[in-house]
């Protein structure tokens, strides 16, 4: 395989209208439907090509599962507030908060219906 001279590559990119910009990042997270792809210690370059932006990312890749909406931690203070305001049990308030994705006002309205 033939080696590429970095200066020649830069010159060719300029002739093609490609503008590389280095981005100082500490972590890159790509959120998928069922997981997150986390790239640690990344080298990120943004390229402007024909009025489009392309990102080139190199680094240490890890994948992690995404918790479902209902699995995330709901603060006890939020549960107690919804229960008190709506006049329901703490369990009903907790379920409403899960359904409302943590939105207090929406949870109160849900349990009052």
PDB file of N, CA and C in Angstrom:
ATOM      1  N   UNK A   1       0.833  -1.181   0.000  1.00  0.00           N
ATOM      2  CA  UNK A   1       0.000   0.000   0.000  1.00  0.00           C
ATOM      3  C   UNK A   1       0.879   1.247   0.000  1.00  0.00           C
ATOM      4  N   UNK A   2       0.521   2.202  -0.802  1.00  0.00           N
ATOM      5  CA  UNK A   2       1.307   3.415  -0.961  1.00  0.00           C
ATOM      6  C   UNK A   2       1.014   4.409   0.154  1.00  0.00           C
ATOM      7  N   UNK A   3       2.051   5.021   0.704  1.00  0.00           N
ATOM      8  CA  UNK A   3       1.881   6.024   1.753  1.00  0.00           C
ATOM      9  C   UNK A   3       1.425   7.352   1.155  1.00  0.00           C
ATOM     10  N   UNK A   4       0.602   8.058   1.931  1.00  0.00           N
ATOM     11  CA  UNK A   4       0.093   9.344   1.476  1.00  0.00           C
ATOM     12  C   UNK A   4       0.818  10.458   2.225  1.00  0.00           C
ATOM     13  N   UNK A   5       1.328  11.404   1.499  1.00  0.00           N
ATOM     14  CA  UNK A   5       1.995  12.556   2.085  1.00  0.00           C
ATOM     15  C   UNK A   5       0.923  13.495   2.647  1.00  0.00           C
ATOM     16  N   UNK A   6       0.967  13.813   3.947  1.00  0.00           N
ATOM     17  CA  UNK A   6      -0.062  14.668   4.552  1.00  0.00           C
ATOM     18  C   UNK A   6      -0.194  16.036   3.881  1.00  0.00           C
ATOM     19  N   UNK A   7       0.912  16.616   3.452  1.00  0.00           N
ATOM     20  CA  UNK A   7       0.852  17.922   2.775  1.00  0.00           C
ATOM     21  C   UNK A   7       0.130  17.817   1.426  1.00  0.00           C
ATOM     22  N   UNK A   8       0.427  16.743   0.695  1.00  0.00           N
ATOM     23  CA  UNK A   8      -0.257  16.548  -0.584  1.00  0.00           C
ATOM     24  C   UNK A   8      -1.745  16.314  -0.359  1.00  0.00           C
ATOM     25  N   UNK A   9      -2.079  15.533   0.676  1.00  0.00           N
ATOM     26  CA  UNK A   9      -3.478  15.258   0.977  1.00  0.00           C
ATOM     27  C   UNK A   9      -4.206  16.553   1.316  1.00  0.00           C
ATOM     28  N   UNK A  10      -3.587  17.405   2.111  1.00  0.00           N
ATOM     29  CA  UNK A  10      -4.195  18.684   2.483  1.00  0.00           C
ATOM     30  C   UNK A  10      -4.427  19.547   1.242  1.00  0.00           C
ATOM     31  N   UNK A  11      -3.449  19.565   0.350  1.00  0.00           N
ATOM     32  CA  UNK A  11      -3.549  20.363  -0.879  1.00  0.00           C
ATOM     33  C   UNK A  11      -4.688  19.848  -1.760  1.00  0.00           C
ATOM     34  N   UNK A  12      -4.781  18.524  -1.913  1.00  0.00           N
ATOM     35  CA  UNK A  12      -5.854  17.919  -2.724  1.00  0.00           C
ATOM     36  C   UNK A  12      -7.218  18.237  -2.109  1.00  0.00           C
ATOM     37  N   UNK A  13      -7.312  18.150  -0.770  1.00  0.00           N
ATOM     38  CA  UNK A  13      -8.585  18.446  -0.105  1.00  0.00           C
ATOM     39  C   UNK A  13      -8.994  19.901  -0.334  1.00  0.00           C
ATOM     40  N   UNK A  14      -8.032  20.815  -0.265  1.00  0.00           N
ATOM     41  CA  UNK A  14      -8.324  22.221  -0.510  1.00  0.00           C
ATOM     42  C   UNK A  14      -8.802  22.435  -1.945  1.00  0.00           C
ATOM     43  N   UNK A  15      -8.178  21.765  -2.889  1.00  0.00           N
ATOM     44  CA  UNK A  15      -8.582  21.887  -4.285  1.00  0.00           C
ATOM     45  C   UNK A  15     -10.004  21.375  -4.494  1.00  0.00           C
ATOM     46  N   UNK A  16     -10.394  20.362  -3.719  1.00  0.00           N
ATOM     47  CA  UNK A  16     -11.733  19.793  -3.836  1.00  0.00           C
ATOM     48  C   UNK A  16     -12.774  20.571  -3.022  1.00  0.00           C
ATOM     49  N   UNK A  17     -12.328  21.582  -2.294  1.00  0.00           N
ATOM     50  CA  UNK A  17     -13.255  22.383  -1.498  1.00  0.00           C
ATOM     51  C   UNK A  17     -13.615  21.754  -0.166  1.00  0.00           C
ATOM     52  N   UNK A  18     -12.789  20.844   0.299  1.00  0.00           N
ATOM     53  CA  UNK A  18     -13.031  20.175   1.576  1.00  0.00           C
ATOM     54  C   UNK A  18     -12.276  20.931   2.665  1.00  0.00           C
ATOM     55  N   UNK A  19     -13.013  21.338   3.711  1.00  0.00           N
ATOM     56  CA  UNK A  19     -12.399  22.093   4.796  1.00  0.00           C
ATOM     57  C   UNK A  19     -12.424  21.263   6.080  1.00  0.00           C
ATOM     58  N   UNK A  20     -11.289  20.678   6.471  1.00  0.00           N
ATOM     59  CA  UNK A  20     -11.266  19.914   7.721  1.00  0.00           C
ATOM     60  C   UNK A  20     -11.103  20.837   8.938  1.00  0.00           C
ATOM     61  N   UNK A  21     -11.855  20.544  10.001  1.00  0.00           N
ATOM     62  CA  UNK A  21     -11.753  21.299  11.242  1.00  0.00           C
ATOM     63  C   UNK A  21     -11.653  20.292  12.386  1.00  0.00           C
ATOM     64  N   UNK A  22     -10.578  20.378  13.175  1.00  0.00           N
ATOM     65  CA  UNK A  22     -10.413  19.490  14.325  1.00  0.00           C
ATOM     66  C   UNK A  22     -11.301  19.986  15.465  1.00  0.00           C
ATOM     67  N   UNK A  23     -12.004  19.051  16.120  1.00  0.00           N
ATOM     68  CA  UNK A  23     -12.883  19.390  17.234  1.00  0.00           C
ATOM     69  C   UNK A  23     -12.287  18.783  18.497  1.00  0.00           C
ATOM     70  N   UNK A  24     -12.131  19.600  19.531  1.00  0.00           N
ATOM     71  CA  UNK A  24     -11.573  19.141  20.793  1.00  0.00           C
ATOM     72  C   UNK A  24     -12.699  18.539  21.625  1.00  0.00           C
ATOM     73  N   UNK A  25     -12.869  17.222  21.580  1.00  0.00           N
ATOM     74  CA  UNK A  25     -13.936  16.530  22.300  1.00  0.00           C
ATOM     75  C   UNK A  25     -13.349  15.559  23.306  1.00  0.00           C
ATOM     76  N   UNK A  26     -14.083  15.329  24.402  1.00  0.00           N
ATOM     77  CA  UNK A  26     -13.633  14.371  25.408  1.00  0.00           C
ATOM     78  C   UNK A  26     -14.385  13.051  25.299  1.00  0.00           C
ATOM     79  N   UNK A  27     -15.592  13.087  24.712  1.00  0.00           N
ATOM     80  CA  UNK A  27     -16.400  11.878  24.553  1.00  0.00           C
ATOM     81  C   UNK A  27     -17.451  12.132  23.484  1.00  0.00           C
ATOM     82  N   UNK A  28     -17.755  11.102  22.701  1.00  0.00           N
ATOM     83  CA  UNK A  28     -18.804  11.183  21.687  1.00  0.00           C
ATOM     84  C   UNK A  28     -19.810  10.080  22.002  1.00  0.00           C
ATOM     85  N   UNK A  29     -21.119  10.445  22.051  1.00  0.00           N
ATOM     86  CA  UNK A  29     -22.165   9.470  22.344  1.00  0.00           C
ATOM     87  C   UNK A  29     -23.127   9.437  21.161  1.00  0.00           C
ATOM     88  N   UNK A  30     -23.335   8.240  20.609  1.00  0.00           N
ATOM     89  CA  UNK A  30     -24.301   8.038  19.537  1.00  0.00           C
ATOM     90  C   UNK A  30     -25.466   7.275  20.147  1.00  0.00           C
ATOM     91  N   UNK A  31     -26.647   7.905  20.168  1.00  0.00           N
ATOM     92  CA  UNK A  31     -27.819   7.285  20.785  1.00  0.00           C
ATOM     93  C   UNK A  31     -28.620   6.527  19.741  1.00  0.00           C
ATOM     94  N   UNK A  32     -28.737   5.222  19.955  1.00  0.00           N
ATOM     95  CA  UNK A  32     -29.526   4.353  19.089  1.00  0.00           C
ATOM     96  C   UNK A  32     -30.835   4.029  19.820  1.00  0.00           C
ATOM     97  N   UNK A  33     -31.710   3.307  19.174  1.00  0.00           N
ATOM     98  CA  UNK A  33     -32.991   2.952  19.781  1.00  0.00           C
ATOM     99  C   UNK A  33     -32.792   2.087  21.018  1.00  0.00           C
ATOM    100  N   UNK A  34     -31.901   1.115  20.951  1.00  0.00           N
ATOM    101  CA  UNK A  34     -31.750   0.152  22.034  1.00  0.00           C
ATOM    102  C   UNK A  34     -30.413   0.225  22.777  1.00  0.00           C
ATOM    103  N   UNK A  35     -29.495   1.096  22.342  1.00  0.00           N
ATOM    104  CA  UNK A  35     -28.184   1.179  22.984  1.00  0.00           C
ATOM    105  C   UNK A  35     -27.553   2.529  22.706  1.00  0.00           C
ATOM    106  N   UNK A  36     -26.455   2.788  23.394  1.00  0.00           N
ATOM    107  CA  UNK A  36     -25.643   3.969  23.144  1.00  0.00           C
ATOM    108  C   UNK A  36     -24.241   3.492  22.775  1.00  0.00           C
ATOM    109  N   UNK A  37     -23.670   4.134  21.795  1.00  0.00           N
ATOM    110  CA  UNK A  37     -22.289   3.857  21.415  1.00  0.00           C
ATOM    111  C   UNK A  37     -21.466   5.028  21.944  1.00  0.00           C
ATOM    112  N   UNK A  38     -20.531   4.718  22.841  1.00  0.00           N
ATOM    113  CA  UNK A  38     -19.725   5.748  23.493  1.00  0.00           C
ATOM    114  C   UNK A  38     -18.296   5.635  22.990  1.00  0.00           C
ATOM    115  N   UNK A  39     -17.767   6.739  22.495  1.00  0.00           N
ATOM    116  CA  UNK A  39     -16.400   6.772  21.982  1.00  0.00           C
ATOM    117  C   UNK A  39     -15.580   7.662  22.910  1.00  0.00           C
ATOM    118  N   UNK A  40     -14.655   7.034  23.644  1.00  0.00           N
ATOM    119  CA  UNK A  40     -13.806   7.750  24.600  1.00  0.00           C
ATOM    120  C   UNK A  40     -12.515   8.178  23.932  1.00  0.00           C
ATOM    121  N   UNK A  41     -11.920   9.242  24.452  1.00  0.00           N
ATOM    122  CA  UNK A  41     -10.670   9.791  23.910  1.00  0.00           C
ATOM    123  C   UNK A  41     -10.746   9.933  22.387  1.00  0.00           C
ATOM    124  N   UNK A  42     -11.780  10.612  21.880  1.00  0.00           N
ATOM    125  CA  UNK A  42     -11.949  10.657  20.427  1.00  0.00           C
ATOM    126  C   UNK A  42     -11.056  11.684  19.736  1.00  0.00           C
ATOM    127  N   UNK A  43     -10.767  11.377  18.488  1.00  0.00           N
ATOM    128  CA  UNK A  43     -10.169  12.351  17.578  1.00  0.00           C
ATOM    129  C   UNK A  43     -11.292  12.664  16.596  1.00  0.00           C
ATOM    130  N   UNK A  44     -11.823  13.874  16.667  1.00  0.00           N
ATOM    131  CA  UNK A  44     -12.989  14.244  15.863  1.00  0.00           C
ATOM    132  C   UNK A  44     -12.591  15.303  14.844  1.00  0.00           C
ATOM    133  N   UNK A  45     -12.931  15.033  13.594  1.00  0.00           N
ATOM    134  CA  UNK A  45     -12.687  15.990  12.517  1.00  0.00           C
ATOM    135  C   UNK A  45     -14.005  16.255  11.801  1.00  0.00           C
ATOM    136  N   UNK A  46     -14.313  17.536  11.631  1.00  0.00           N
ATOM    137  CA  UNK A  46     -15.512  17.921  10.874  1.00  0.00           C
ATOM    138  C   UNK A  46     -15.059  18.345   9.489  1.00  0.00           C
ATOM    139  N   UNK A  47     -15.695  17.761   8.472  1.00  0.00           N
ATOM    140  CA  UNK A  47     -15.361  18.076   7.089  1.00  0.00           C
ATOM    141  C   UNK A  47     -16.561  18.745   6.419  1.00  0.00           C
ATOM    142  N   UNK A  48     -16.330  19.867   5.791  1.00  0.00           N
ATOM    143  CA  UNK A  48     -17.365  20.557   5.008  1.00  0.00           C
ATOM    144  C   UNK A  48     -17.149  20.162   3.555  1.00  0.00           C
ATOM    145  N   UNK A  49     -18.075  19.357   3.015  1.00  0.00           N
ATOM    146  CA  UNK A  49     -17.950  18.859   1.651  1.00  0.00           C
ATOM    147  C   UNK A  49     -19.220  19.193   0.891  1.00  0.00           C
ATOM    148  N   UNK A  50     -19.115  20.039  -0.117  1.00  0.00           N
ATOM    149  CA  UNK A  50     -20.249  20.381  -0.982  1.00  0.00           C
ATOM    150  C   UNK A  50     -21.494  20.744  -0.169  1.00  0.00           C
ATOM    151  N   UNK A  51     -21.337  21.700   0.757  1.00  0.00           N
ATOM    152  CA  UNK A  51     -22.442  22.200   1.593  1.00  0.00           C
ATOM    153  C   UNK A  51     -23.042  21.129   2.504  1.00  0.00           C
ATOM    154  N   UNK A  52     -22.290  20.073   2.780  1.00  0.00           N
ATOM    155  CA  UNK A  52     -22.711  19.031   3.710  1.00  0.00           C
ATOM    156  C   UNK A  52     -21.615  18.903   4.764  1.00  0.00           C
ATOM    157  N   UNK A  53     -22.017  18.473   5.971  1.00  0.00           N
ATOM    158  CA  UNK A  53     -21.064  18.290   7.048  1.00  0.00           C
ATOM    159  C   UNK A  53     -20.898  16.805   7.332  1.00  0.00           C
ATOM    160  N   UNK A  54     -19.649  16.364   7.374  1.00  0.00           N
ATOM    161  CA  UNK A  54     -19.323  14.975   7.662  1.00  0.00           C
ATOM    162  C   UNK A  54     -18.390  14.968   8.874  1.00  0.00           C
ATOM    163  N   UNK A  55     -18.672  14.072   9.834  1.00  0.00           N
ATOM    164  CA  UNK A  55     -17.814  13.940  11.000  1.00  0.00           C
ATOM    165  C   UNK A  55     -17.039  12.634  10.913  1.00  0.00           C
ATOM    166  N   UNK A  56     -15.740  12.722  11.141  1.00  0.00           N
ATOM    167  CA  UNK A  56     -14.883  11.537  11.196  1.00  0.00           C
ATOM    168  C   UNK A  56     -14.469  11.389  12.650  1.00  0.00           C
ATOM    169  N   UNK A  57     -14.768  10.203  13.241  1.00  0.00           N
ATOM    170  CA  UNK A  57     -14.502   9.976  14.662  1.00  0.00           C
ATOM    171  C   UNK A  57     -13.665   8.714  14.822  1.00  0.00           C
ATOM    172  N   UNK A  58     -12.565   8.840  15.561  1.00  0.00           N
ATOM    173  CA  UNK A  58     -11.721   7.686  15.884  1.00  0.00           C
ATOM    174  C   UNK A  58     -11.497   7.691  17.388  1.00  0.00           C
ATOM    175  N   UNK A  59     -11.527   6.502  18.005  1.00  0.00           N
ATOM    176  CA  UNK A  59     -11.293   6.419  19.445  1.00  0.00           C
ATOM    177  C   UNK A  59     -11.651   5.058  19.990  1.00  0.00           C
ATOM    178  N   UNK A  60     -11.719   4.963  21.318  1.00  0.00           N
ATOM    179  CA  UNK A  60     -12.041   3.719  22.012  1.00  0.00           C
ATOM    180  C   UNK A  60     -13.558   3.575  22.073  1.00  0.00           C
ATOM    181  N   UNK A  61     -14.095   2.479  21.504  1.00  0.00           N
ATOM    182  CA  UNK A  61     -15.549   2.306  21.387  1.00  0.00           C
ATOM    183  C   UNK A  61     -16.063   1.354  22.460  1.00  0.00           C
ATOM    184  N   UNK A  62     -17.180   1.777  23.089  1.00  0.00           N
ATOM    185  CA  UNK A  62     -17.907   0.928  24.036  1.00  0.00           C
ATOM    186  C   UNK A  62     -19.381   1.035  23.696  1.00  0.00           C
ATOM    187  N   UNK A  63     -20.119  -0.025  23.995  1.00  0.00           N
ATOM    188  CA  UNK A  63     -21.577   0.007  23.821  1.00  0.00           C
ATOM    189  C   UNK A  63     -22.217  -0.209  25.175  1.00  0.00           C
ATOM    190  N   UNK A  64     -23.327   0.502  25.417  1.00  0.00           N
ATOM    191  CA  UNK A  64     -24.064   0.281  26.659  1.00  0.00           C
ATOM    192  C   UNK A  64     -25.559   0.282  26.384  1.00  0.00           C
ATOM    193  N   UNK A  65     -26.270  -0.522  27.163  1.00  0.00           N
ATOM    194  CA  UNK A  65     -27.715  -0.651  27.015  1.00  0.00           C
ATOM    195  C   UNK A  65     -28.396   0.616  27.508  1.00  0.00           C
ATOM    196  N   UNK A  66     -29.529   0.943  26.923  1.00  0.00           N
ATOM    197  CA  UNK A  66     -30.328   2.075  27.368  1.00  0.00           C
ATOM    198  C   UNK A  66     -31.407   1.541  28.296  1.00  0.00           C
ATOM    199  N   UNK A  67     -31.560   2.203  29.442  1.00  0.00           N
ATOM    200  CA  UNK A  67     -32.631   1.812  30.351  1.00  0.00           C
ATOM    201  C   UNK A  67     -33.964   2.222  29.764  1.00  0.00           C
ATOM    202  N   UNK A  68     -34.961   1.401  29.989  1.00  0.00           N
ATOM    203  CA  UNK A  68     -36.294   1.759  29.515  1.00  0.00           C
ATOM    204  C   UNK A  68     -36.827   2.884  30.375  1.00  0.00           C
ATOM    205  N   UNK A  69     -37.839   3.605  29.843  1.00  0.00           N
ATOM    206  CA  UNK A  69     -38.390   4.768  30.534  1.00  0.00           C
ATOM    207  C   UNK A  69     -38.776   4.457  31.972  1.00  0.00           C
ATOM    208  N   UNK A  70     -39.442   3.344  32.192  1.00  0.00           N
ATOM    209  CA  UNK A  70     -39.937   3.007  33.517  1.00  0.00           C
ATOM    210  C   UNK A  70     -38.850   2.617  34.496  1.00  0.00           C
ATOM    211  N   UNK A  71     -37.651   2.312  34.022  1.00  0.00           N
ATOM    212  CA  UNK A  71     -36.594   1.839  34.892  1.00  0.00           C
ATOM    213  C   UNK A  71     -35.793   2.961  35.530  1.00  0.00           C
ATOM    214  N   UNK A  72     -35.933   4.168  35.045  1.00  0.00           N
ATOM    215  CA  UNK A  72     -35.084   5.210  35.595  1.00  0.00           C
ATOM    216  C   UNK A  72     -35.562   5.625  36.985  1.00  0.00           C
ATOM    217  N   UNK A  73     -34.677   6.126  37.770  1.00  0.00           N
ATOM    218  CA  UNK A  73     -34.940   6.481  39.159  1.00  0.00           C
ATOM    219  C   UNK A  73     -35.833   7.714  39.246  1.00  0.00           C
ATOM    220  N   UNK A  74     -36.882   7.609  40.048  1.00  0.00           N
ATOM    221  CA  UNK A  74     -37.774   8.756  40.264  1.00  0.00           C
ATOM    222  C   UNK A  74     -37.589   9.192  41.708  1.00  0.00           C
ATOM    223  N   UNK A  75     -37.257  10.461  41.954  1.00  0.00           N
ATOM    224  CA  UNK A  75     -37.018  10.935  43.312  1.00  0.00           C
ATOM    225  C   UNK A  75     -38.261  10.783  44.195  1.00  0.00           C
ATOM    226  N   UNK A  76     -38.039  10.367  45.443  1.00  0.00           N
ATOM    227  CA  UNK A  76     -39.123  10.181  46.392  1.00  0.00           C
ATOM    228  C   UNK A  76     -39.884  11.487  46.609  1.00  0.00           C
ATOM    229  N   UNK A  77     -39.178  12.613  46.614  1.00  0.00           N
ATOM    230  CA  UNK A  77     -39.831  13.913  46.813  1.00  0.00           C
ATOM    231  C   UNK A  77     -40.854  14.188  45.709  1.00  0.00           C
ATOM    232  N   UNK A  78     -40.533  13.801  44.461  1.00  0.00           N
ATOM    233  CA  UNK A  78     -41.471  13.980  43.348  1.00  0.00           C
ATOM    234  C   UNK A  78     -42.702  13.104  43.536  1.00  0.00           C
ATOM    235  N   UNK A  79     -42.479  11.846  43.953  1.00  0.00           N
ATOM    236  CA  UNK A  79     -43.592  10.920  44.177  1.00  0.00           C
ATOM    237  C   UNK A  79     -44.513  11.461  45.263  1.00  0.00           C
ATOM    238  N   UNK A  80     -43.925  11.923  46.371  1.00  0.00           N
ATOM    239  CA  UNK A  80     -44.725  12.452  47.480  1.00  0.00           C
ATOM    240  C   UNK A  80     -45.484  13.710  47.075  1.00  0.00           C
ATOM    241  N   UNK A  81     -44.866  14.566  46.289  1.00  0.00           N
ATOM    242  CA  UNK A  81     -45.525  15.795  45.846  1.00  0.00           C
ATOM    243  C   UNK A  81     -46.734  15.485  44.972  1.00  0.00           C
ATOM    244  N   UNK A  82     -46.569  14.571  44.004  1.00  0.00           N
ATOM    245  CA  UNK A  82     -47.679  14.206  43.126  1.00  0.00           C
ATOM    246  C   UNK A  82     -48.785  13.539  43.937  1.00  0.00           C
ATOM    247  N   UNK A  83     -48.424  12.654  44.865  1.00  0.00           N
ATOM    248  CA  UNK A  83     -49.423  11.971  45.699  1.00  0.00           C
ATOM    249  C   UNK A  83     -50.216  12.973  46.523  1.00  0.00           C
ATOM    250  N   UNK A  84     -49.518  13.936  47.106  1.00  0.00           N
ATOM    251  CA  UNK A  84     -50.176  14.945  47.937  1.00  0.00           C
ATOM    252  C   UNK A  84     -51.073  15.858  47.101  1.00  0.00           C
ATOM    253  N   UNK A  85     -50.572  16.349  45.985  1.00  0.00           N
ATOM    254  CA  UNK A  85     -51.324  17.287  45.148  1.00  0.00           C
ATOM    255  C   UNK A  85     -52.543  16.629  44.497  1.00  0.00           C
ATOM    256  N   UNK A  86     -52.420  15.353  44.133  1.00  0.00           N
ATOM    257  CA  UNK A  86     -53.504  14.672  43.426  1.00  0.00           C
ATOM    258  C   UNK A  86     -54.400  13.865  44.362  1.00  0.00           C
ATOM    259  N   UNK A  87     -53.963  13.708  45.618  1.00  0.00           N
ATOM    260  CA  UNK A  87     -54.758  12.953  46.569  1.00  0.00           C
ATOM    261  C   UNK A  87     -54.799  11.460  46.254  1.00  0.00           C
ATOM    262  N   UNK A  88     -53.651  10.899  45.857  1.00  0.00           N
ATOM    263  CA  UNK A  88     -53.562   9.475  45.508  1.00  0.00           C
ATOM    264  C   UNK A  88     -52.450   8.825  46.323  1.00  0.00           C
ATOM    265  N   UNK A  89     -52.324   7.501  46.208  1.00  0.00           N
ATOM    266  CA  UNK A  89     -51.251   6.796  46.908  1.00  0.00           C
ATOM    267  C   UNK A  89     -49.913   7.081  46.230  1.00  0.00           C
ATOM    268  N   UNK A  90     -48.838   6.772  46.960  1.00  0.00           N
ATOM    269  CA  UNK A  90     -47.503   6.984  46.395  1.00  0.00           C
ATOM    270  C   UNK A  90     -47.254   6.066  45.195  1.00  0.00           C
ATOM    271  N   UNK A  91     -47.805   4.853  45.234  1.00  0.00           N
ATOM    272  CA  UNK A  91     -47.630   3.929  44.108  1.00  0.00           C
ATOM    273  C   UNK A  91     -48.317   4.466  42.851  1.00  0.00           C
ATOM    274  N   UNK A  92     -49.533   5.020  43.023  1.00  0.00           N
ATOM    275  CA  UNK A  92     -50.244   5.610  41.874  1.00  0.00           C
ATOM    276  C   UNK A  92     -49.473   6.818  41.344  1.00  0.00           C
ATOM    277  N   UNK A  93     -48.911   7.595  42.256  1.00  0.00           N
ATOM    278  CA  UNK A  93     -48.128   8.765  41.859  1.00  0.00           C
ATOM    279  C   UNK A  93     -46.878   8.332  41.100  1.00  0.00           C
ATOM    280  N   UNK A  94     -46.220   7.269  41.588  1.00  0.00           N
ATOM    281  CA  UNK A  94     -45.018   6.764  40.917  1.00  0.00           C
ATOM    282  C   UNK A  94     -45.332   6.292  39.501  1.00  0.00           C
ATOM    283  N   UNK A  95     -46.413   5.559  39.337  1.00  0.00           N
ATOM    284  CA  UNK A  95     -46.808   5.082  38.005  1.00  0.00           C
ATOM    285  C   UNK A  95     -47.120   6.259  37.079  1.00  0.00           C
ATOM    286  N   UNK A  96     -47.779   7.284  37.610  1.00  0.00           N
ATOM    287  CA  UNK A  96     -48.090   8.468  36.808  1.00  0.00           C
ATOM    288  C   UNK A  96     -46.813   9.182  36.376  1.00  0.00           C
ATOM    289  N   UNK A  97     -45.833   9.260  37.273  1.00  0.00           N
ATOM    290  CA  UNK A  97     -44.557   9.908  36.933  1.00  0.00           C
ATOM    291  C   UNK A  97     -43.801   9.113  35.866  1.00  0.00           C
ATOM    292  N   UNK A  98     -43.878   7.795  35.937  1.00  0.00           N
ATOM    293  CA  UNK A  98     -43.235   6.968  34.906  1.00  0.00           C
ATOM    294  C   UNK A  98     -43.899   7.233  33.562  1.00  0.00           C
ATOM    295  N   UNK A  99     -45.216   7.254  33.555  1.00  0.00           N
ATOM    296  CA  UNK A  99     -45.958   7.489  32.315  1.00  0.00           C
ATOM    297  C   UNK A  99     -45.713   8.893  31.768  1.00  0.00           C
ATOM    298  N   UNK A 100     -45.563   9.856  32.679  1.00  0.00           N
ATOM    299  CA  UNK A 100     -45.342  11.253  32.280  1.00  0.00           C
ATOM    300  C   UNK A 100     -43.862  11.565  32.080  1.00  0.00           C
ATOM    301  N   UNK A 101     -43.005  10.536  32.143  1.00  0.00           N
ATOM    302  CA  UNK A 101     -41.564  10.686  31.950  1.00  0.00           C
ATOM    303  C   UNK A 101     -40.945  11.721  32.890  1.00  0.00           C
ATOM    304  N   UNK A 102     -41.441  11.734  34.151  1.00  0.00           N
ATOM    305  CA  UNK A 102     -40.883  12.611  35.170  1.00  0.00           C
ATOM    306  C   UNK A 102     -41.485  13.999  35.233  1.00  0.00           C
ATOM    307  N   UNK A 103     -42.393  14.335  34.322  1.00  0.00           N
ATOM    308  CA  UNK A 103     -43.023  15.654  34.302  1.00  0.00           C
ATOM    309  C   UNK A 103     -44.074  15.716  35.415  1.00  0.00           C
ATOM    310  N   UNK A 104     -43.824  16.549  36.446  1.00  0.00           N
ATOM    311  CA  UNK A 104     -44.697  16.604  37.619  1.00  0.00           C
ATOM    312  C   UNK A 104     -46.118  17.050  37.276  1.00  0.00           C
ATOM    313  N   UNK A 105     -46.253  18.133  36.541  1.00  0.00           N
ATOM    314  CA  UNK A 105     -47.579  18.660  36.203  1.00  0.00           C
ATOM    315  C   UNK A 105     -48.381  17.651  35.390  1.00  0.00           C
ATOM    316  N   UNK A 106     -47.735  17.027  34.433  1.00  0.00           N
ATOM    317  CA  UNK A 106     -48.408  16.040  33.590  1.00  0.00           C
ATOM    318  C   UNK A 106     -48.844  14.834  34.423  1.00  0.00           C
ATOM    319  N   UNK A 107     -47.998  14.417  35.371  1.00  0.00           N
ATOM    320  CA  UNK A 107     -48.328  13.282  36.245  1.00  0.00           C
ATOM    321  C   UNK A 107     -49.549  13.594  37.105  1.00  0.00           C
ATOM    322  N   UNK A 108     -49.602  14.792  37.648  1.00  0.00           N
ATOM    323  CA  UNK A 108     -50.747  15.200  38.488  1.00  0.00           C
ATOM    324  C   UNK A 108     -52.020  15.182  37.666  1.00  0.00           C
ATOM    325  N   UNK A 109     -51.948  15.722  36.446  1.00  0.00           N
ATOM    326  CA  UNK A 109     -53.135  15.720  35.581  1.00  0.00           C
ATOM    327  C   UNK A 109     -53.561  14.299  35.213  1.00  0.00           C
ATOM    328  N   UNK A 110     -52.597  13.409  35.001  1.00  0.00           N
ATOM    329  CA  UNK A 110     -52.920  12.017  34.646  1.00  0.00           C
ATOM    330  C   UNK A 110     -53.688  11.317  35.758  1.00  0.00           C
ATOM    331  N   UNK A 111     -53.269  11.483  37.007  1.00  0.00           N
ATOM    332  CA  UNK A 111     -53.939  10.769  38.103  1.00  0.00           C
ATOM    333  C   UNK A 111     -55.237  11.426  38.520  1.00  0.00           C
ATOM    334  N   UNK A 112     -55.418  12.697  38.186  1.00  0.00           N
ATOM    335  CA  UNK A 112     -56.680  13.372  38.535  1.00  0.00           C
ATOM    336  C   UNK A 112     -57.801  13.015  37.568  1.00  0.00           C
ATOM    337  N   UNK A 113     -57.464  12.444  36.403  1.00  0.00           N
ATOM    338  CA  UNK A 113     -58.487  12.103  35.423  1.00  0.00           C
ATOM    339  C   UNK A 113     -59.330  10.958  35.892  1.00  0.00           C
TER     340      UNK A 113
END
